[in-house]
Amino acid sequence: MGTKFAYDRDGKFDAPHLHNIYDSAPYLHNGIAPTLEEIWTVYNPYDRHGVTNDMTKDQLNDLIEYLKTL
C-alpha cells in the first residue's frame, strides 16, 4: 500500500471493511485517523487512500455520507 509509517510496529495490515464503517472508528490500518474525513484530509497527501485531493469539500462530504449508508 505504501502507507506504513516509520513507527508502525509490525507488518500486519488490518484490511478495512465498509459494512457499518461509520461505527468502527478509528480508521486506517493503525487507527491513526479518528474520523472518516481525516482519512482523506489529513492522512492522504499523495492519494494513496484513493484519489481525493482534487475533490471539493462538498464531494468529500458526499463520499462520507455515502459510506455511512453501507
Protein backbone atom coordinates (compact mmCIF):
# COMPACT_ATOMS: atom_id res chain seq x y z
CA MET A 1 0.00 0.00 0.00
CA GLY A 2 2.87 2.36 0.68
CA THR A 3 1.13 3.84 3.72
CA LYS A 4 3.16 2.29 6.53
CA PHE A 5 4.58 4.78 8.99
CA ALA A 6 8.05 4.53 10.49
CA TYR A 7 6.58 3.89 13.94
CA ASP A 8 4.29 1.01 12.85
CA ARG A 9 5.39 -1.95 14.95
CA ASP A 10 4.83 -4.83 12.57
CA GLY A 11 3.85 -5.68 9.03
CA LYS A 12 0.27 -6.63 9.89
CA PHE A 13 -2.39 -4.90 7.87
CA ASP A 14 -5.93 -4.51 9.19
CA ALA A 15 -7.90 -4.56 5.95
CA PRO A 16 -10.75 -2.07 6.06
CA HIS A 17 -14.33 -3.16 5.79
CA LEU A 18 -17.18 -0.98 4.64
CA HIS A 19 -20.12 -2.57 6.48
CA ASN A 20 -21.03 -0.25 9.39
CA ILE A 21 -17.90 1.79 8.75
CA TYR A 22 -19.48 4.78 10.49
CA ASP A 23 -19.41 2.80 13.72
CA SER A 24 -15.86 1.43 13.54
CA ALA A 25 -13.55 4.36 14.27
CA PRO A 26 -10.64 4.85 14.44
CA TYR A 27 -9.67 4.29 10.83
CA LEU A 28 -6.69 3.21 8.71
CA HIS A 29 -4.54 0.18 9.38
CA ASN A 30 -3.09 1.59 12.57
CA GLY A 31 -6.10 3.54 13.85
CA ILE A 32 -4.44 6.90 13.30
CA ALA A 33 -7.49 8.62 11.72
CA PRO A 34 -10.18 9.38 14.31
CA THR A 35 -12.79 10.35 11.67
CA LEU A 36 -13.68 9.32 8.15
CA GLU A 37 -12.96 12.84 6.93
CA GLU A 38 -9.41 12.76 8.28
CA ILE A 39 -8.60 9.68 6.19
CA TRP A 40 -8.65 11.96 3.15
CA THR A 41 -7.98 15.44 4.54
CA VAL A 42 -5.07 14.68 6.87
CA TYR A 43 -3.66 11.24 6.04
CA ASN A 44 -3.88 11.16 2.24
CA PRO A 45 -1.41 13.74 0.90
CA TYR A 46 -0.32 11.53 -2.02
CA ASP A 47 -3.72 9.97 -2.87
CA ARG A 48 -2.71 6.55 -1.51
CA HIS A 49 -6.14 6.08 0.10
CA GLY A 50 -7.97 6.99 -3.09
CA VAL A 51 -7.68 9.93 -5.40
CA THR A 52 -9.38 12.58 -3.30
CA ASN A 53 -7.03 15.56 -3.27
CA ASP A 54 -8.88 17.18 -6.16
CA MET A 55 -12.32 16.70 -4.57
CA THR A 56 -14.28 19.68 -3.37
CA LYS A 57 -15.45 19.81 0.24
CA ASP A 58 -18.99 19.01 -0.94
CA GLN A 59 -17.79 15.97 -2.91
CA LEU A 60 -15.85 14.69 0.08
CA ASN A 61 -18.88 15.18 2.32
CA ASP A 62 -21.00 13.26 -0.21
CA LEU A 63 -18.46 10.40 -0.16
CA ILE A 64 -18.52 10.26 3.62
CA GLU A 65 -22.32 10.35 3.75
CA TYR A 66 -22.44 7.52 1.19
CA LEU A 67 -20.07 5.39 3.25
CA LYS A 68 -22.27 5.91 6.29
CA THR A 69 -25.17 4.26 4.43
CA LEU A 70 -23.32 0.97 3.93
